[in-house]
């Protein structure tokens, strides 16, 4: 079990987070930011046919105004990572693969901005 709450240091332009458990079972947790910023996370784990799967999702919930109707609605945006580790792969290999994914996204030839512009 991870520490409760998970504290994430501020890193411009993102705020510090204190993600406290609001729901848990034997497969994972749901946590909400106690700083009131609208952030939450879901972490869960599953045994699969040939190994295991681990999933983390970070969400941001906020009020959004529809530009056509001016109606304000609560909406959620999210990012996530799923790690599928088949039998025969080591934890070290999976840690390195996950790091390589975040390095690839951070690379100047890729970037999250370019992904959001439908570049692939």
C-alpha atoms as a PDB file:
ATOM      1  CA  UNK A   1       0.000   0.000   0.000  1.00  0.00           C
ATOM      2  CA  UNK A   2       1.269   3.447  -0.898  1.00  0.00           C
ATOM      3  CA  UNK A   3       1.503   6.122   1.796  1.00  0.00           C
ATOM      4  CA  UNK A   4      -1.653   8.097   2.607  1.00  0.00           C
ATOM      5  CA  UNK A   5      -1.748  10.797   1.493  1.00  0.00           C
ATOM      6  CA  UNK A   6       0.546  10.725  -1.536  1.00  0.00           C
ATOM      7  CA  UNK A   7       2.241  14.117  -1.615  1.00  0.00           C
ATOM      8  CA  UNK A   8       3.438  15.467  -4.950  1.00  0.00           C
ATOM      9  CA  UNK A   9       5.664  18.558  -4.892  1.00  0.00           C
ATOM     10  CA  UNK A  10       4.644  21.562  -6.940  1.00  0.00           C
ATOM     11  CA  UNK A  11       6.396  21.777 -10.284  1.00  0.00           C
ATOM     12  CA  UNK A  12       5.455  24.818 -12.375  1.00  0.00           C
ATOM     13  CA  UNK A  13       2.902  25.146 -13.792  1.00  0.00           C
ATOM     14  CA  UNK A  14       1.382  22.377 -11.635  1.00  0.00           C
ATOM     15  CA  UNK A  15       0.372  22.777  -7.973  1.00  0.00           C
ATOM     16  CA  UNK A  16       1.408  20.566  -5.076  1.00  0.00           C
ATOM     17  CA  UNK A  17      -0.953  17.653  -4.496  1.00  0.00           C
ATOM     18  CA  UNK A  18      -1.934  15.757  -1.373  1.00  0.00           C
ATOM     19  CA  UNK A  19      -3.847  12.744  -2.703  1.00  0.00           C
ATOM     20  CA  UNK A  20      -5.759  11.118   0.174  1.00  0.00           C
ATOM     21  CA  UNK A  21      -7.655   7.829  -0.041  1.00  0.00           C
ATOM     22  CA  UNK A  22     -11.419   8.205  -0.432  1.00  0.00           C
ATOM     23  CA  UNK A  23     -12.131   4.642  -1.570  1.00  0.00           C
ATOM     24  CA  UNK A  24     -10.123   1.419  -1.543  1.00  0.00           C
ATOM     25  CA  UNK A  25     -10.406  -2.310  -2.014  1.00  0.00           C
ATOM     26  CA  UNK A  26      -7.938  -5.162  -2.416  1.00  0.00           C
ATOM     27  CA  UNK A  27      -7.259  -4.160  -6.042  1.00  0.00           C
ATOM     28  CA  UNK A  28      -6.593  -0.416  -5.716  1.00  0.00           C
ATOM     29  CA  UNK A  29      -7.489   3.031  -4.488  1.00  0.00           C
ATOM     30  CA  UNK A  30      -9.255   6.223  -5.435  1.00  0.00           C
ATOM     31  CA  UNK A  31      -7.655   9.352  -4.023  1.00  0.00           C
ATOM     32  CA  UNK A  32      -8.624  13.047  -4.024  1.00  0.00           C
ATOM     33  CA  UNK A  33      -6.452  16.107  -3.627  1.00  0.00           C
ATOM     34  CA  UNK A  34      -7.058  17.553  -0.166  1.00  0.00           C
ATOM     35  CA  UNK A  35      -5.748  20.926  -1.408  1.00  0.00           C
ATOM     36  CA  UNK A  36      -9.054  21.417  -3.249  1.00  0.00           C
ATOM     37  CA  UNK A  37      -7.603  21.750  -6.745  1.00  0.00           C
ATOM     38  CA  UNK A  38     -10.027  19.326  -8.390  1.00  0.00           C
ATOM     39  CA  UNK A  39      -7.412  16.590  -8.880  1.00  0.00           C
ATOM     40  CA  UNK A  40      -7.920  12.900  -8.168  1.00  0.00           C
ATOM     41  CA  UNK A  41      -6.264   9.618  -9.040  1.00  0.00           C
ATOM     42  CA  UNK A  42      -7.274   6.015  -9.524  1.00  0.00           C
ATOM     43  CA  UNK A  43      -4.729   3.238  -9.111  1.00  0.00           C
ATOM     44  CA  UNK A  44      -5.625  -0.407  -9.616  1.00  0.00           C
ATOM     45  CA  UNK A  45      -4.056  -3.783 -10.230  1.00  0.00           C
ATOM     46  CA  UNK A  46      -5.292  -7.001 -11.862  1.00  0.00           C
ATOM     47  CA  UNK A  47      -4.091 -10.512 -12.479  1.00  0.00           C
ATOM     48  CA  UNK A  48      -4.453 -11.376 -16.158  1.00  0.00           C
ATOM     49  CA  UNK A  49      -4.163 -14.635 -18.102  1.00  0.00           C
ATOM     50  CA  UNK A  50      -0.394 -14.391 -18.613  1.00  0.00           C
ATOM     51  CA  UNK A  51       0.784 -11.956 -15.932  1.00  0.00           C
ATOM     52  CA  UNK A  52      -0.530  -8.771 -14.361  1.00  0.00           C
ATOM     53  CA  UNK A  53      -1.765  -5.289 -15.220  1.00  0.00           C
ATOM     54  CA  UNK A  54      -1.246  -2.062 -13.280  1.00  0.00           C
ATOM     55  CA  UNK A  55      -3.111   1.150 -14.063  1.00  0.00           C
ATOM     56  CA  UNK A  56      -2.865   4.746 -12.881  1.00  0.00           C
ATOM     57  CA  UNK A  57      -5.102   7.608 -13.953  1.00  0.00           C
ATOM     58  CA  UNK A  58      -4.862  11.269 -12.947  1.00  0.00           C
ATOM     59  CA  UNK A  59      -7.999  13.369 -13.359  1.00  0.00           C
ATOM     60  CA  UNK A  60      -8.788  17.082 -13.207  1.00  0.00           C
ATOM     61  CA  UNK A  61     -12.403  18.079 -12.608  1.00  0.00           C
ATOM     62  CA  UNK A  62     -13.634  21.617 -13.158  1.00  0.00           C
ATOM     63  CA  UNK A  63     -16.591  23.729 -14.257  1.00  0.00           C
ATOM     64  CA  UNK A  64     -16.549  24.396 -18.001  1.00  0.00           C
ATOM     65  CA  UNK A  65     -18.729  26.880 -19.855  1.00  0.00           C
ATOM     66  CA  UNK A  66     -20.191  25.691 -23.146  1.00  0.00           C
ATOM     67  CA  UNK A  67     -19.227  28.399 -25.690  1.00  0.00           C
ATOM     68  CA  UNK A  68     -22.519  28.020 -27.595  1.00  0.00           C
ATOM     69  CA  UNK A  69     -25.089  27.786 -24.809  1.00  0.00           C
ATOM     70  CA  UNK A  70     -23.217  29.448 -21.917  1.00  0.00           C
ATOM     71  CA  UNK A  71     -24.322  26.515 -19.735  1.00  0.00           C
ATOM     72  CA  UNK A  72     -21.778  25.614 -17.063  1.00  0.00           C
ATOM     73  CA  UNK A  73     -21.142  21.902 -16.575  1.00  0.00           C
ATOM     74  CA  UNK A  74     -18.750  19.917 -14.415  1.00  0.00           C
ATOM     75  CA  UNK A  75     -16.300  17.961 -16.597  1.00  0.00           C
ATOM     76  CA  UNK A  76     -13.273  15.718 -16.086  1.00  0.00           C
ATOM     77  CA  UNK A  77     -10.080  15.487 -18.118  1.00  0.00           C
ATOM     78  CA  UNK A  78      -7.662  12.609 -17.566  1.00  0.00           C
ATOM     79  CA  UNK A  79      -4.309  11.076 -18.403  1.00  0.00           C
ATOM     80  CA  UNK A  80      -3.372   7.489 -17.684  1.00  0.00           C
ATOM     81  CA  UNK A  81      -0.772   4.777 -17.948  1.00  0.00           C
ATOM     82  CA  UNK A  82      -1.351   1.049 -18.114  1.00  0.00           C
ATOM     83  CA  UNK A  83       1.503  -1.368 -17.484  1.00  0.00           C
ATOM     84  CA  UNK A  84       0.960  -4.928 -18.668  1.00  0.00           C
ATOM     85  CA  UNK A  85       3.660  -7.291 -17.411  1.00  0.00           C
ATOM     86  CA  UNK A  86       3.457 -10.758 -18.959  1.00  0.00           C
ATOM     87  CA  UNK A  87       5.059 -13.714 -17.228  1.00  0.00           C
ATOM     88  CA  UNK A  88       8.796 -13.713 -18.030  1.00  0.00           C
ATOM     89  CA  UNK A  89       9.355  -9.951 -17.766  1.00  0.00           C
ATOM     90  CA  UNK A  90      11.024  -8.503 -14.667  1.00  0.00           C
ATOM     91  CA  UNK A  91       9.950  -5.545 -12.573  1.00  0.00           C
ATOM     92  CA  UNK A  92      13.196  -3.800 -13.574  1.00  0.00           C
ATOM     93  CA  UNK A  93      12.372  -4.216 -17.272  1.00  0.00           C
ATOM     94  CA  UNK A  94       8.900  -2.769 -16.686  1.00  0.00           C
ATOM     95  CA  UNK A  95      10.248   0.183 -14.656  1.00  0.00           C
ATOM     96  CA  UNK A  96      12.688   0.921 -17.482  1.00  0.00           C
ATOM     97  CA  UNK A  97       9.947   0.601 -20.106  1.00  0.00           C
ATOM     98  CA  UNK A  98       7.655   2.989 -18.210  1.00  0.00           C
ATOM     99  CA  UNK A  99      10.522   5.489 -17.860  1.00  0.00           C
ATOM    100  CA  UNK A 100      11.223   5.176 -21.583  1.00  0.00           C
ATOM    101  CA  UNK A 101       7.579   6.015 -22.313  1.00  0.00           C
ATOM    102  CA  UNK A 102       7.693   9.204 -20.222  1.00  0.00           C
ATOM    103  CA  UNK A 103      11.068  10.087 -21.772  1.00  0.00           C
ATOM    104  CA  UNK A 104       9.597   9.608 -25.261  1.00  0.00           C
ATOM    105  CA  UNK A 105       6.640  11.878 -24.480  1.00  0.00           C
ATOM    106  CA  UNK A 106       9.002  14.512 -23.001  1.00  0.00           C
ATOM    107  CA  UNK A 107      11.339  14.399 -26.012  1.00  0.00           C
ATOM    108  CA  UNK A 108      11.274  17.583 -28.129  1.00  0.00           C
ATOM    109  CA  UNK A 109      10.446  15.510 -31.228  1.00  0.00           C
ATOM    110  CA  UNK A 110       7.250  14.268 -29.562  1.00  0.00           C
ATOM    111  CA  UNK A 111       5.889  16.378 -26.625  1.00  0.00           C
ATOM    112  CA  UNK A 112       2.401  16.287 -25.172  1.00  0.00           C
ATOM    113  CA  UNK A 113       1.532  19.437 -27.139  1.00  0.00           C
ATOM    114  CA  UNK A 114       2.310  17.703 -30.437  1.00  0.00           C
ATOM    115  CA  UNK A 115       0.256  14.676 -29.407  1.00  0.00           C
ATOM    116  CA  UNK A 116      -2.703  16.979 -28.642  1.00  0.00           C
ATOM    117  CA  UNK A 117      -2.284  18.417 -32.158  1.00  0.00           C
ATOM    118  CA  UNK A 118      -2.939  14.915 -33.581  1.00  0.00           C
ATOM    119  CA  UNK A 119       0.710  14.395 -34.593  1.00  0.00           C
ATOM    120  CA  UNK A 120       1.867  10.796 -34.603  1.00  0.00           C
END
